[in-house]
Amino acid sequence: MSGRGFFTLKNAAEHQIEVKGSLFLAYGARADTPEQGLAFLKTVLARHPDASHLCWAYRIDDQYRFSDGGEPGGTAGQPILRAIEGQGLDHVVVGVIRYFGGTKLGAGGLVRAYGGAAAEALRTAERQEELPRTEIMVEVPFEHMGSLYRLLDSLGVDERKETYTEQGLRVTFSLLESAVERFRGDLRDATRGQFSLVEP
């Protein structure tokens, strides 16, 4: 994750409503990649293998996708996506299971049921803010590798890509934008100015 900040779900969300005998069960979760979103939907379906429909949507940065899951076009997936957007969330997937109760709801009824179940699950869920991050590439001579590792550990940088060059070590990682200047100053002190830092 890099770039702008956003709000997402801290924990999984659930909500159920009943409309004219049909049961709608909404499940939401954080998803940082489309693959994570689709994997979550598989777990939802595994919990309800006898469900009439699984309709869903996800939004991850500029990527979004939705499915009406066999319901009439535009009556389920899009309302779920609108619920995600309406709650101001990102990096979120929502799946809504329907158990058909015998009474047809019509297009408007389906839109309200799917969108309403999703919106309520998200509205009542605990959220967390992801602050803006930036990708950084740092190169240090071999003699300062230990200093760089200690600095990265102190900042809680767990995910990083490391490559060795003829001159030393190159590390690429993501850092909170608000911490970049402090990192630059601390790195300057730790290496006596012997480093190069690139922000894309």
Foldseek 3Di string as FASTA:
>chain_A
DAFAKFKAFPAKFWFWDADPQKIKIKIKDAAQDVVRQVVVLVVVCVVPVPFPFKWKKAAHPPDIDTDPRPPPPPQAGVLLVVLCVVLRGHRMMMIMTMHDGPDDLPSVRSSCRRNVRNNVRVVPGHMDMDHHKFKKKKFAAAVLPVVVVVLCVVQVFDDWDWDADPRGIIIIGMHHPVCVVVSVVSSCVSRVNGMDMDTD
